[in-house]
Amino acid sequence: MYTLHLEIPAIPKSLNKAFRTNRFASNNLNKIWDRVIWEACKGQLPPEPLQNARIVIRRDFYRTLDYDGLVGSMKPVVDGLVTAGVLIDDSWKTLGVWDVSQFFRPKKDGPLLRISIYG
């Protein structure tokens, strides 16, 4: 069984903010998240991309999002896991329901994103 735990001191833009950016800025942000995830996964990749996995994502920040904004904002993170080679794809067949939650974190502590993959 494969397990991956990542802690990243950043969070993706909220879905509402992401929708307001033009496609060039959006593509650049996606490339940045691909790179962030790839760097975080370095040396911890599975032998081959997982075809069936469970994902747990926790967003710690001083502001909270509504549910659809929270889940939707994690799309660049999951896409980054696909690009890095952790997941074969981000389809329902591969991941099923994403377990995404958010918790308060004081502003002075900065953002924190925790990602766990079980496959």
PDB file of N, CA and C in Angstrom:
ATOM      1  N   MET A   1       0.841  -1.186   0.000  1.00  0.00           N
ATOM      2  CA  MET A   1       0.000   0.000   0.000  1.00  0.00           C
ATOM      3  C   MET A   1       0.885   1.248   0.000  1.00  0.00           C
ATOM      4  N   TYR A   2       0.524   2.213  -0.805  1.00  0.00           N
ATOM      5  CA  TYR A   2       1.268   3.456  -0.955  1.00  0.00           C
ATOM      6  C   TYR A   2       0.587   4.572  -0.163  1.00  0.00           C
ATOM      7  N   THR A   3       1.367   5.365   0.542  1.00  0.00           N
ATOM      8  CA  THR A   3       0.864   6.523   1.271  1.00  0.00           C
ATOM      9  C   THR A   3       1.801   7.696   1.037  1.00  0.00           C
ATOM     10  N   LEU A   4       1.218   8.853   0.815  1.00  0.00           N
ATOM     11  CA  LEU A   4       1.984  10.076   0.621  1.00  0.00           C
ATOM     12  C   LEU A   4       1.361  11.180   1.454  1.00  0.00           C
ATOM     13  N   HIS A   5       2.182  11.865   2.254  1.00  0.00           N
ATOM     14  CA  HIS A   5       1.730  13.011   3.053  1.00  0.00           C
ATOM     15  C   HIS A   5       2.579  14.210   2.676  1.00  0.00           C
ATOM     16  N   LEU A   6       1.919  15.288   2.300  1.00  0.00           N
ATOM     17  CA  LEU A   6       2.618  16.515   1.927  1.00  0.00           C
ATOM     18  C   LEU A   6       2.110  17.677   2.768  1.00  0.00           C
ATOM     19  N   GLU A   7       3.004  18.584   3.129  1.00  0.00           N
ATOM     20  CA  GLU A   7       2.632  19.844   3.772  1.00  0.00           C
ATOM     21  C   GLU A   7       3.260  20.955   2.952  1.00  0.00           C
ATOM     22  N   ILE A   8       2.415  21.835   2.462  1.00  0.00           N
ATOM     23  CA  ILE A   8       2.868  22.915   1.588  1.00  0.00           C
ATOM     24  C   ILE A   8       2.443  24.244   2.218  1.00  0.00           C
ATOM     25  N   PRO A   9       3.387  25.159   2.411  1.00  0.00           N
ATOM     26  CA  PRO A   9       3.051  26.438   3.052  1.00  0.00           C
ATOM     27  C   PRO A   9       2.431  27.444   2.081  1.00  0.00           C
ATOM     28  N   ALA A  10       1.439  27.019   1.344  1.00  0.00           N
ATOM     29  CA  ALA A  10       0.718  27.870   0.391  1.00  0.00           C
ATOM     30  C   ALA A  10      -0.630  27.224   0.122  1.00  0.00           C
ATOM     31  N   ILE A  11      -1.562  28.005  -0.363  1.00  0.00           N
ATOM     32  CA  ILE A  11      -2.865  27.475  -0.766  1.00  0.00           C
ATOM     33  C   ILE A  11      -3.218  28.056  -2.127  1.00  0.00           C
ATOM     34  N   PRO A  12      -3.989  27.310  -2.941  1.00  0.00           N
ATOM     35  CA  PRO A  12      -4.396  27.855  -4.239  1.00  0.00           C
ATOM     36  C   PRO A  12      -5.426  28.968  -4.061  1.00  0.00           C
ATOM     37  N   LYS A  13      -5.575  29.777  -5.101  1.00  0.00           N
ATOM     38  CA  LYS A  13      -6.592  30.827  -5.098  1.00  0.00           C
ATOM     39  C   LYS A  13      -7.972  30.211  -4.915  1.00  0.00           C
ATOM     40  N   SER A  14      -8.868  30.987  -4.311  1.00  0.00           N
ATOM     41  CA  SER A  14     -10.248  30.516  -4.211  1.00  0.00           C
ATOM     42  C   SER A  14     -10.832  30.400  -5.609  1.00  0.00           C
ATOM     43  N   LEU A  15     -11.853  29.592  -5.743  1.00  0.00           N
ATOM     44  CA  LEU A  15     -12.472  29.374  -7.048  1.00  0.00           C
ATOM     45  C   LEU A  15     -13.011  30.688  -7.623  1.00  0.00           C
ATOM     46  N   ASN A  16     -13.607  31.526  -6.777  1.00  0.00           N
ATOM     47  CA  ASN A  16     -14.138  32.808  -7.250  1.00  0.00           C
ATOM     48  C   ASN A  16     -13.027  33.695  -7.811  1.00  0.00           C
ATOM     49  N   LYS A  17     -11.867  33.731  -7.166  1.00  0.00           N
ATOM     50  CA  LYS A  17     -10.744  34.530  -7.671  1.00  0.00           C
ATOM     51  C   LYS A  17     -10.159  33.907  -8.930  1.00  0.00           C
ATOM     52  N   ALA A  18     -10.113  32.597  -8.975  1.00  0.00           N
ATOM     53  CA  ALA A  18      -9.568  31.910 -10.148  1.00  0.00           C
ATOM     54  C   ALA A  18     -10.440  32.164 -11.380  1.00  0.00           C
ATOM     55  N   PHE A  19     -11.755  32.217 -11.186  1.00  0.00           N
ATOM     56  CA  PHE A  19     -12.660  32.479 -12.317  1.00  0.00           C
ATOM     57  C   PHE A  19     -12.464  33.880 -12.889  1.00  0.00           C
ATOM     58  N   ARG A  20     -12.002  34.810 -12.071  1.00  0.00           N
ATOM     59  CA  ARG A  20     -11.849  36.196 -12.512  1.00  0.00           C
ATOM     60  C   ARG A  20     -10.529  36.458 -13.242  1.00  0.00           C
ATOM     61  N   THR A  21      -9.636  35.484 -13.281  1.00  0.00           N
ATOM     62  CA  THR A  21      -8.364  35.701 -13.962  1.00  0.00           C
ATOM     63  C   THR A  21      -8.486  35.311 -15.435  1.00  0.00           C
ATOM     64  N   ASN A  22      -7.680  35.948 -16.265  1.00  0.00           N
ATOM     65  CA  ASN A  22      -7.715  35.587 -17.677  1.00  0.00           C
ATOM     66  C   ASN A  22      -7.016  34.242 -17.875  1.00  0.00           C
ATOM     67  N   ARG A  23      -7.157  33.682 -19.045  1.00  0.00           N
ATOM     68  CA  ARG A  23      -6.657  32.321 -19.263  1.00  0.00           C
ATOM     69  C   ARG A  23      -5.140  32.224 -19.173  1.00  0.00           C
ATOM     70  N   PHE A  24      -4.424  33.296 -19.527  1.00  0.00           N
ATOM     71  CA  PHE A  24      -2.967  33.261 -19.440  1.00  0.00           C
ATOM     72  C   PHE A  24      -2.506  33.225 -17.984  1.00  0.00           C
ATOM     73  N   ALA A  25      -3.125  34.053 -17.156  1.00  0.00           N
ATOM     74  CA  ALA A  25      -2.797  34.054 -15.728  1.00  0.00           C
ATOM     75  C   ALA A  25      -3.195  32.729 -15.097  1.00  0.00           C
ATOM     76  N   SER A  26      -4.343  32.203 -15.496  1.00  0.00           N
ATOM     77  CA  SER A  26      -4.802  30.917 -14.972  1.00  0.00           C
ATOM     78  C   SER A  26      -3.839  29.794 -15.350  1.00  0.00           C
ATOM     79  N   ASN A  27      -3.381  29.781 -16.596  1.00  0.00           N
ATOM     80  CA  ASN A  27      -2.422  28.763 -17.034  1.00  0.00           C
ATOM     81  C   ASN A  27      -1.112  28.882 -16.269  1.00  0.00           C
ATOM     82  N   ASN A  28      -0.669  30.110 -16.014  1.00  0.00           N
ATOM     83  CA  ASN A  28       0.559  30.307 -15.244  1.00  0.00           C
ATOM     84  C   ASN A  28       0.408  29.799 -13.814  1.00  0.00           C
ATOM     85  N   LEU A  29      -0.742  30.056 -13.200  1.00  0.00           N
ATOM     86  CA  LEU A  29      -0.976  29.555 -11.842  1.00  0.00           C
ATOM     87  C   LEU A  29      -0.989  28.032 -11.811  1.00  0.00           C
ATOM     88  N   ASN A  30      -1.595  27.425 -12.825  1.00  0.00           N
ATOM     89  CA  ASN A  30      -1.616  25.958 -12.889  1.00  0.00           C
ATOM     90  C   ASN A  30      -0.205  25.399 -13.037  1.00  0.00           C
ATOM     91  N   LYS A  31       0.623  26.055 -13.840  1.00  0.00           N
ATOM     92  CA  LYS A  31       2.012  25.617 -13.994  1.00  0.00           C
ATOM     93  C   LYS A  31       2.783  25.762 -12.688  1.00  0.00           C
ATOM     94  N   ILE A  32       2.502  26.832 -11.965  1.00  0.00           N
ATOM     95  CA  ILE A  32       3.162  27.030 -10.657  1.00  0.00           C
ATOM     96  C   ILE A  32       2.784  25.901  -9.715  1.00  0.00           C
ATOM     97  N   TRP A  33       1.489  25.547  -9.670  1.00  0.00           N
ATOM     98  CA  TRP A  33       1.061  24.458  -8.785  1.00  0.00           C
ATOM     99  C   TRP A  33       1.616  23.106  -9.234  1.00  0.00           C
ATOM    100  N   ASP A  34       1.733  22.901 -10.537  1.00  0.00           N
ATOM    101  CA  ASP A  34       2.381  21.677 -11.024  1.00  0.00           C
ATOM    102  C   ASP A  34       3.797  21.589 -10.459  1.00  0.00           C
ATOM    103  N   ARG A  35       4.514  22.683 -10.508  1.00  0.00           N
ATOM    104  CA  ARG A  35       5.901  22.721 -10.021  1.00  0.00           C
ATOM    105  C   ARG A  35       5.973  22.537  -8.502  1.00  0.00           C
ATOM    106  N   VAL A  36       5.091  23.204  -7.771  1.00  0.00           N
ATOM    107  CA  VAL A  36       5.062  23.087  -6.306  1.00  0.00           C
ATOM    108  C   VAL A  36       4.809  21.640  -5.890  1.00  0.00           C
ATOM    109  N   ILE A  37       3.824  21.011  -6.505  1.00  0.00           N
ATOM    110  CA  ILE A  37       3.491  19.624  -6.171  1.00  0.00           C
ATOM    111  C   ILE A  37       4.627  18.688  -6.575  1.00  0.00           C
ATOM    112  N   TRP A  38       5.191  18.898  -7.747  1.00  0.00           N
ATOM    113  CA  TRP A  38       6.294  18.059  -8.212  1.00  0.00           C
ATOM    114  C   TRP A  38       7.470  18.140  -7.238  1.00  0.00           C
ATOM    115  N   GLU A  39       7.820  19.342  -6.813  1.00  0.00           N
ATOM    116  CA  GLU A  39       8.921  19.523  -5.856  1.00  0.00           C
ATOM    117  C   GLU A  39       8.620  18.818  -4.531  1.00  0.00           C
ATOM    118  N   ALA A  40       7.376  18.929  -4.062  1.00  0.00           N
ATOM    119  CA  ALA A  40       6.993  18.322  -2.786  1.00  0.00           C
ATOM    120  C   ALA A  40       7.004  16.797  -2.858  1.00  0.00           C
ATOM    121  N   CYS A  41       6.716  16.240  -4.036  1.00  0.00           N
ATOM    122  CA  CYS A  41       6.636  14.785  -4.206  1.00  0.00           C
ATOM    123  C   CYS A  41       7.975  14.138  -4.539  1.00  0.00           C
ATOM    124  N   LYS A  42       8.971  14.943  -4.853  1.00  0.00           N
ATOM    125  CA  LYS A  42      10.259  14.420  -5.314  1.00  0.00           C
ATOM    126  C   LYS A  42      10.794  13.358  -4.352  1.00  0.00           C
ATOM    127  N   GLY A  43      11.138  12.204  -4.901  1.00  0.00           N
ATOM    128  CA  GLY A  43      11.677  11.113  -4.097  1.00  0.00           C
ATOM    129  C   GLY A  43      10.627  10.288  -3.371  1.00  0.00           C
ATOM    130  N   GLN A  44       9.341  10.618  -3.551  1.00  0.00           N
ATOM    131  CA  GLN A  44       8.273   9.907  -2.847  1.00  0.00           C
ATOM    132  C   GLN A  44       7.218   9.348  -3.806  1.00  0.00           C
ATOM    133  N   LEU A  45       7.535   9.295  -5.072  1.00  0.00           N
ATOM    134  CA  LEU A  45       6.557   8.842  -6.064  1.00  0.00           C
ATOM    135  C   LEU A  45       6.329   7.342  -5.975  1.00  0.00           C
ATOM    136  N   PRO A  46       5.116   6.893  -6.304  1.00  0.00           N
ATOM    137  CA  PRO A  46       4.865   5.453  -6.365  1.00  0.00           C
ATOM    138  C   PRO A  46       5.597   4.858  -7.567  1.00  0.00           C
ATOM    139  N   PRO A  47       5.781   3.542  -7.588  1.00  0.00           N
ATOM    140  CA  PRO A  47       6.468   2.906  -8.723  1.00  0.00           C
ATOM    141  C   PRO A  47       5.798   3.221 -10.065  1.00  0.00           C
ATOM    142  N   GLU A  48       4.492   3.345 -10.050  1.00  0.00           N
ATOM    143  CA  GLU A  48       3.726   3.758 -11.227  1.00  0.00           C
ATOM    144  C   GLU A  48       2.539   4.566 -10.742  1.00  0.00           C
ATOM    145  N   PRO A  49       1.989   5.453 -11.567  1.00  0.00           N
ATOM    146  CA  PRO A  49       0.856   6.276 -11.115  1.00  0.00           C
ATOM    147  C   PRO A  49      -0.304   5.419 -10.600  1.00  0.00           C
ATOM    148  N   LEU A  50      -0.894   5.865  -9.498  1.00  0.00           N
ATOM    149  CA  LEU A  50      -1.994   5.122  -8.872  1.00  0.00           C
ATOM    150  C   LEU A  50      -3.248   5.168  -9.735  1.00  0.00           C
ATOM    151  N   GLN A  51      -3.877   4.008  -9.906  1.00  0.00           N
ATOM    152  CA  GLN A  51      -5.111   3.927 -10.687  1.00  0.00           C
ATOM    153  C   GLN A  51      -6.341   3.971  -9.795  1.00  0.00           C
ATOM    154  N   ASN A  52      -6.126   3.802  -8.495  1.00  0.00           N
ATOM    155  CA  ASN A  52      -7.214   3.868  -7.533  1.00  0.00           C
ATOM    156  C   ASN A  52      -6.632   4.418  -6.239  1.00  0.00           C
ATOM    157  N   ALA A  53      -7.158   5.538  -5.775  1.00  0.00           N
ATOM    158  CA  ALA A  53      -6.591   6.166  -4.588  1.00  0.00           C
ATOM    159  C   ALA A  53      -7.666   6.945  -3.840  1.00  0.00           C
ATOM    160  N   ARG A  54      -7.342   7.269  -2.610  1.00  0.00           N
ATOM    161  CA  ARG A  54      -8.181   8.129  -1.778  1.00  0.00           C
ATOM    162  C   ARG A  54      -7.367   9.373  -1.482  1.00  0.00           C
ATOM    163  N   ILE A  55      -7.991  10.546  -1.625  1.00  0.00           N
ATOM    164  CA  ILE A  55      -7.286  11.799  -1.384  1.00  0.00           C
ATOM    165  C   ILE A  55      -7.942  12.553  -0.231  1.00  0.00           C
ATOM    166  N   VAL A  56      -7.101  13.074   0.646  1.00  0.00           N
ATOM    167  CA  VAL A  56      -7.553  13.891   1.765  1.00  0.00           C
ATOM    168  C   VAL A  56      -6.765  15.199   1.693  1.00  0.00           C
ATOM    169  N   ILE A  57      -7.501  16.307   1.607  1.00  0.00           N
ATOM    170  CA  ILE A  57      -6.864  17.624   1.516  1.00  0.00           C
ATOM    171  C   ILE A  57      -7.403  18.494   2.649  1.00  0.00           C
ATOM    172  N   ARG A  58      -6.482  19.147   3.338  1.00  0.00           N
ATOM    173  CA  ARG A  58      -6.862  20.041   4.434  1.00  0.00           C
ATOM    174  C   ARG A  58      -6.254  21.413   4.169  1.00  0.00           C
ATOM    175  N   ARG A  59      -7.099  22.421   4.156  1.00  0.00           N
ATOM    176  CA  ARG A  59      -6.680  23.810   3.926  1.00  0.00           C
ATOM    177  C   ARG A  59      -6.752  24.548   5.255  1.00  0.00           C
ATOM    178  N   ASP A  60      -5.620  25.026   5.732  1.00  0.00           N
ATOM    179  CA  ASP A  60      -5.566  25.801   6.974  1.00  0.00           C
ATOM    180  C   ASP A  60      -5.290  27.259   6.620  1.00  0.00           C
ATOM    181  N   PHE A  61      -6.243  28.136   6.955  1.00  0.00           N
ATOM    182  CA  PHE A  61      -6.115  29.548   6.608  1.00  0.00           C
ATOM    183  C   PHE A  61      -7.020  30.356   7.517  1.00  0.00           C
ATOM    184  N   TYR A  62      -6.793  31.656   7.570  1.00  0.00           N
ATOM    185  CA  TYR A  62      -7.584  32.493   8.473  1.00  0.00           C
ATOM    186  C   TYR A  62      -8.947  32.864   7.888  1.00  0.00           C
ATOM    187  N   ARG A  63      -9.159  32.607   6.608  1.00  0.00           N
ATOM    188  CA  ARG A  63     -10.467  32.816   5.995  1.00  0.00           C
ATOM    189  C   ARG A  63     -11.002  31.495   5.467  1.00  0.00           C
ATOM    190  N   THR A  64     -12.311  31.316   5.546  1.00  0.00           N
ATOM    191  CA  THR A  64     -12.910  30.081   5.057  1.00  0.00           C
ATOM    192  C   THR A  64     -13.643  30.348   3.740  1.00  0.00           C
ATOM    193  N   LEU A  65     -13.833  29.282   2.992  1.00  0.00           N
ATOM    194  CA  LEU A  65     -14.538  29.334   1.715  1.00  0.00           C
ATOM    195  C   LEU A  65     -15.832  28.548   1.814  1.00  0.00           C
ATOM    196  N   ASP A  66     -16.766  28.818   0.901  1.00  0.00           N
ATOM    197  CA  ASP A  66     -17.938  27.963   0.841  1.00  0.00           C
ATOM    198  C   ASP A  66     -17.515  26.620   0.238  1.00  0.00           C
ATOM    199  N   TYR A  67     -18.376  25.626   0.370  1.00  0.00           N
ATOM    200  CA  TYR A  67     -17.978  24.257   0.032  1.00  0.00           C
ATOM    201  C   TYR A  67     -17.535  24.101  -1.423  1.00  0.00           C
ATOM    202  N   ASP A  68     -18.331  24.601  -2.361  1.00  0.00           N
ATOM    203  CA  ASP A  68     -17.955  24.414  -3.770  1.00  0.00           C
ATOM    204  C   ASP A  68     -16.687  25.180  -4.111  1.00  0.00           C
ATOM    205  N   GLY A  69     -16.496  26.345  -3.500  1.00  0.00           N
ATOM    206  CA  GLY A  69     -15.261  27.099  -3.712  1.00  0.00           C
ATOM    207  C   GLY A  69     -14.051  26.379  -3.143  1.00  0.00           C
ATOM    208  N   LEU A  70     -14.240  25.742  -1.992  1.00  0.00           N
ATOM    209  CA  LEU A  70     -13.157  24.993  -1.355  1.00  0.00           C
ATOM    210  C   LEU A  70     -12.718  23.820  -2.229  1.00  0.00           C
ATOM    211  N   VAL A  71     -13.659  23.000  -2.627  1.00  0.00           N
ATOM    212  CA  VAL A  71     -13.341  21.815  -3.427  1.00  0.00           C
ATOM    213  C   VAL A  71     -12.808  22.225  -4.803  1.00  0.00           C
ATOM    214  N   GLY A  72     -13.450  23.184  -5.442  1.00  0.00           N
ATOM    215  CA  GLY A  72     -13.022  23.624  -6.761  1.00  0.00           C
ATOM    216  C   GLY A  72     -11.640  24.251  -6.762  1.00  0.00           C
ATOM    217  N   SER A  73     -11.285  24.922  -5.675  1.00  0.00           N
ATOM    218  CA  SER A  73      -9.968  25.564  -5.620  1.00  0.00           C
ATOM    219  C   SER A  73      -8.835  24.543  -5.545  1.00  0.00           C
ATOM    220  N   MET A  74      -9.153  23.298  -5.210  1.00  0.00           N
ATOM    221  CA  MET A  74      -8.126  22.263  -5.104  1.00  0.00           C
ATOM    222  C   MET A  74      -7.823  21.572  -6.430  1.00  0.00           C
ATOM    223  N   LYS A  75      -8.531  21.937  -7.493  1.00  0.00           N
ATOM    224  CA  LYS A  75      -8.302  21.335  -8.807  1.00  0.00           C
ATOM    225  C   LYS A  75      -6.848  21.466  -9.268  1.00  0.00           C
ATOM    226  N   PRO A  76      -6.196  22.633  -9.151  1.00  0.00           N
ATOM    227  CA  PRO A  76      -4.790  22.713  -9.574  1.00  0.00           C
ATOM    228  C   PRO A  76      -3.874  21.800  -8.757  1.00  0.00           C
ATOM    229  N   VAL A  77      -4.224  21.564  -7.511  1.00  0.00           N
ATOM    230  CA  VAL A  77      -3.426  20.677  -6.650  1.00  0.00           C
ATOM    231  C   VAL A  77      -3.530  19.238  -7.150  1.00  0.00           C
ATOM    232  N   VAL A  78      -4.749  18.792  -7.414  1.00  0.00           N
ATOM    233  CA  VAL A  78      -4.959  17.425  -7.895  1.00  0.00           C
ATOM    234  C   VAL A  78      -4.357  17.262  -9.290  1.00  0.00           C
ATOM    235  N   ASP A  79      -4.508  18.275 -10.136  1.00  0.00           N
ATOM    236  CA  ASP A  79      -3.869  18.221 -11.461  1.00  0.00           C
ATOM    237  C   ASP A  79      -2.352  18.112 -11.318  1.00  0.00           C
ATOM    238  N   GLY A  80      -1.789  18.796 -10.327  1.00  0.00           N
ATOM    239  CA  GLY A  80      -0.355  18.708 -10.069  1.00  0.00           C
ATOM    240  C   GLY A  80       0.069  17.307  -9.670  1.00  0.00           C
ATOM    241  N   LEU A  81      -0.785  16.602  -8.927  1.00  0.00           N
ATOM    242  CA  LEU A  81      -0.486  15.217  -8.538  1.00  0.00           C
ATOM    243  C   LEU A  81      -0.482  14.304  -9.763  1.00  0.00           C
ATOM    244  N   VAL A  82      -1.339  14.606 -10.726  1.00  0.00           N
ATOM    245  CA  VAL A  82      -1.359  13.842 -11.979  1.00  0.00           C
ATOM    246  C   VAL A  82      -0.082  14.136 -12.770  1.00  0.00           C
ATOM    247  N   THR A  83       0.252  15.401 -12.905  1.00  0.00           N
ATOM    248  CA  THR A  83       1.454  15.803 -13.646  1.00  0.00           C
ATOM    249  C   THR A  83       2.718  15.218 -13.019  1.00  0.00           C
ATOM    250  N   ALA A  84       2.762  15.172 -11.691  1.00  0.00           N
ATOM    251  CA  ALA A  84       3.943  14.646 -10.984  1.00  0.00           C
ATOM    252  C   ALA A  84       4.079  13.134 -11.117  1.00  0.00           C
ATOM    253  N   GLY A  85       2.991  12.452 -11.473  1.00  0.00           N
ATOM    254  CA  GLY A  85       3.045  11.007 -11.633  1.00  0.00           C
ATOM    255  C   GLY A  85       2.564  10.232 -10.425  1.00  0.00           C
ATOM    256  N   VAL A  86       1.887  10.896  -9.504  1.00  0.00           N
ATOM    257  CA  VAL A  86       1.331  10.198  -8.345  1.00  0.00           C
ATOM    258  C   VAL A  86       0.037   9.495  -8.732  1.00  0.00           C
ATOM    259  N   LEU A  87      -0.801  10.181  -9.513  1.00  0.00           N
ATOM    260  CA  LEU A  87      -2.099   9.650  -9.941  1.00  0.00           C
ATOM    261  C   LEU A  87      -2.112   9.479 -11.456  1.00  0.00           C
ATOM    262  N   ILE A  88      -2.814   8.447 -11.929  1.00  0.00           N
ATOM    263  CA  ILE A  88      -2.952   8.213 -13.366  1.00  0.00           C
ATOM    264  C   ILE A  88      -3.805   9.315 -13.991  1.00  0.00           C
ATOM    265  N   ASP A  89      -4.857   9.737 -13.285  1.00  0.00           N
ATOM    266  CA  ASP A  89      -5.703  10.860 -13.698  1.00  0.00           C
ATOM    267  C   ASP A  89      -6.530  11.296 -12.504  1.00  0.00           C
ATOM    268  N   ASP A  90      -7.383  12.295 -12.700  1.00  0.00           N
ATOM    269  CA  ASP A  90      -8.198  12.788 -11.584  1.00  0.00           C
ATOM    270  C   ASP A  90      -9.671  12.439 -11.765  1.00  0.00           C
ATOM    271  N   SER A  91      -9.933  11.349 -12.468  1.00  0.00           N
ATOM    272  CA  SER A  91     -11.314  10.946 -12.744  1.00  0.00           C
ATOM    273  C   SER A  91     -11.987  10.384 -11.493  1.00  0.00           C
ATOM    274  N   TRP A  92     -13.300  10.281 -11.577  1.00  0.00           N
ATOM    275  CA  TRP A  92     -14.090   9.697 -10.494  1.00  0.00           C
ATOM    276  C   TRP A  92     -13.652   8.256 -10.246  1.00  0.00           C
ATOM    277  N   LYS A  93     -13.360   7.536 -11.314  1.00  0.00           N
ATOM    278  CA  LYS A  93     -12.934   6.140 -11.197  1.00  0.00           C
ATOM    279  C   LYS A  93     -11.641   6.017 -10.385  1.00  0.00           C
ATOM    280  N   THR A  94     -10.750   6.979 -10.527  1.00  0.00           N
ATOM    281  CA  THR A  94      -9.467   6.939  -9.818  1.00  0.00           C
ATOM    282  C   THR A  94      -9.594   7.424  -8.377  1.00  0.00           C
ATOM    283  N   LEU A  95     -10.288   8.535  -8.148  1.00  0.00           N
ATOM    284  CA  LEU A  95     -10.303   9.164  -6.823  1.00  0.00           C
ATOM    285  C   LEU A  95     -11.625   9.074  -6.067  1.00  0.00           C
ATOM    286  N   GLY A  96     -12.721   8.891  -6.767  1.00  0.00           N
ATOM    287  CA  GLY A  96     -14.000   8.908  -6.070  1.00  0.00           C
ATOM    288  C   GLY A  96     -14.240  10.282  -5.462  1.00  0.00           C
ATOM    289  N   VAL A  97     -14.831  10.318  -4.284  1.00  0.00           N
ATOM    290  CA  VAL A  97     -15.125  11.578  -3.600  1.00  0.00           C
ATOM    291  C   VAL A  97     -13.864  12.102  -2.926  1.00  0.00           C
ATOM    292  N   TRP A  98     -13.541  13.359  -3.162  1.00  0.00           N
ATOM    293  CA  TRP A  98     -12.405  13.980  -2.495  1.00  0.00           C
ATOM    294  C   TRP A  98     -12.809  14.338  -1.071  1.00  0.00           C
ATOM    295  N   ASP A  99     -11.950  14.063  -0.122  1.00  0.00           N
ATOM    296  CA  ASP A  99     -12.169  14.450   1.274  1.00  0.00           C
ATOM    297  C   ASP A  99     -11.433  15.773   1.484  1.00  0.00           C
ATOM    298  N   VAL A 100     -12.168  16.875   1.388  1.00  0.00           N
ATOM    299  CA  VAL A 100     -11.570  18.207   1.483  1.00  0.00           C
ATOM    300  C   VAL A 100     -12.168  18.933   2.681  1.00  0.00           C
ATOM    301  N   SER A 101     -11.309  19.499   3.524  1.00  0.00           N
ATOM    302  CA  SER A 101     -11.780  20.234   4.700  1.00  0.00           C
ATOM    303  C   SER A 101     -10.949  21.491   4.888  1.00  0.00           C
ATOM    304  N   GLN A 102     -11.426  22.357   5.756  1.00  0.00           N
ATOM    305  CA  GLN A 102     -10.699  23.580   6.051  1.00  0.00           C
ATOM    306  C   GLN A 102     -10.777  23.882   7.535  1.00  0.00           C
ATOM    307  N   PHE A 103      -9.707  24.473   8.041  1.00  0.00           N
ATOM    308  CA  PHE A 103      -9.613  24.807   9.455  1.00  0.00           C
ATOM    309  C   PHE A 103      -9.015  26.196   9.601  1.00  0.00           C
ATOM    310  N   PHE A 104      -9.367  26.847  10.697  1.00  0.00           N
ATOM    311  CA  PHE A 104      -8.828  28.174  10.968  1.00  0.00           C
ATOM    312  C   PHE A 104      -7.359  28.076  11.350  1.00  0.00           C
ATOM    313  N   ARG A 105      -6.589  29.013  10.837  1.00  0.00           N
ATOM    314  CA  ARG A 105      -5.175  29.141  11.183  1.00  0.00           C
ATOM    315  C   ARG A 105      -4.901  30.634  11.315  1.00  0.00           C
ATOM    316  N   PRO A 106      -4.294  31.069  12.402  1.00  0.00           N
ATOM    317  CA  PRO A 106      -4.044  32.500  12.574  1.00  0.00           C
ATOM    318  C   PRO A 106      -3.280  33.086  11.382  1.00  0.00           C
ATOM    319  N   LYS A 107      -3.633  34.305  11.027  1.00  0.00           N
ATOM    320  CA  LYS A 107      -3.025  34.971   9.873  1.00  0.00           C
ATOM    321  C   LYS A 107      -1.510  35.025  10.003  1.00  0.00           C
ATOM    322  N   LYS A 108      -1.005  35.251  11.208  1.00  0.00           N
ATOM    323  CA  LYS A 108       0.442  35.364  11.420  1.00  0.00           C
ATOM    324  C   LYS A 108       1.179  34.058  11.130  1.00  0.00           C
ATOM    325  N   ASP A 109       0.477  32.916  11.191  1.00  0.00           N
ATOM    326  CA  ASP A 109       1.097  31.618  10.915  1.00  0.00           C
ATOM    327  C   ASP A 109       1.154  31.295   9.422  1.00  0.00           C
ATOM    328  N   GLY A 110       0.427  32.046   8.613  1.00  0.00           N
ATOM    329  CA  GLY A 110       0.432  31.827   7.170  1.00  0.00           C
ATOM    330  C   GLY A 110      -0.406  30.626   6.764  1.00  0.00           C
ATOM    331  N   PRO A 111      -0.591  30.442   5.470  1.00  0.00           N
ATOM    332  CA  PRO A 111      -1.402  29.325   4.969  1.00  0.00           C
ATOM    333  C   PRO A 111      -0.651  28.000   5.051  1.00  0.00           C
ATOM    334  N   LEU A 112      -1.419  26.916   5.101  1.00  0.00           N
ATOM    335  CA  LEU A 112      -0.832  25.575   5.102  1.00  0.00           C
ATOM    336  C   LEU A 112      -1.799  24.640   4.388  1.00  0.00           C
ATOM    337  N   LEU A 113      -1.258  23.869   3.473  1.00  0.00           N
ATOM    338  CA  LEU A 113      -2.046  22.892   2.741  1.00  0.00           C
ATOM    339  C   LEU A 113      -1.489  21.514   3.074  1.00  0.00           C
ATOM    340  N   ARG A 114      -2.346  20.624   3.551  1.00  0.00           N
ATOM    341  CA  ARG A 114      -1.940  19.254   3.872  1.00  0.00           C
ATOM    342  C   ARG A 114      -2.651  18.304   2.923  1.00  0.00           C
ATOM    343  N   ILE A 115      -1.868  17.455   2.283  1.00  0.00           N
ATOM    344  CA  ILE A 115      -2.411  16.526   1.289  1.00  0.00           C
ATOM    345  C   ILE A 115      -1.966  15.130   1.658  1.00  0.00           C
ATOM    346  N   SER A 116      -2.912  14.199   1.685  1.00  0.00           N
ATOM    347  CA  SER A 116      -2.588  12.791   1.912  1.00  0.00           C
ATOM    348  C   SER A 116      -3.215  11.965   0.793  1.00  0.00           C
ATOM    349  N   ILE A 117      -2.437  11.044   0.273  1.00  0.00           N
ATOM    350  CA  ILE A 117      -2.889  10.127  -0.774  1.00  0.00           C
ATOM    351  C   ILE A 117      -2.707   8.707  -0.251  1.00  0.00           C
ATOM    352  N   TYR A 118      -3.756   7.912  -0.362  1.00  0.00           N
ATOM    353  CA  TYR A 118      -3.706   6.516   0.044  1.00  0.00           C
ATOM    354  C   TYR A 118      -4.070   5.662  -1.166  1.00  0.00           C
ATOM    355  N   GLY A 119      -3.183   4.772  -1.555  1.00  0.00           N
ATOM    356  CA  GLY A 119      -3.475   3.959  -2.726  1.00  0.00           C
ATOM    357  C   GLY A 119      -2.982   2.556  -2.624  1.00  0.00           C
TER     358      GLY A 119
END
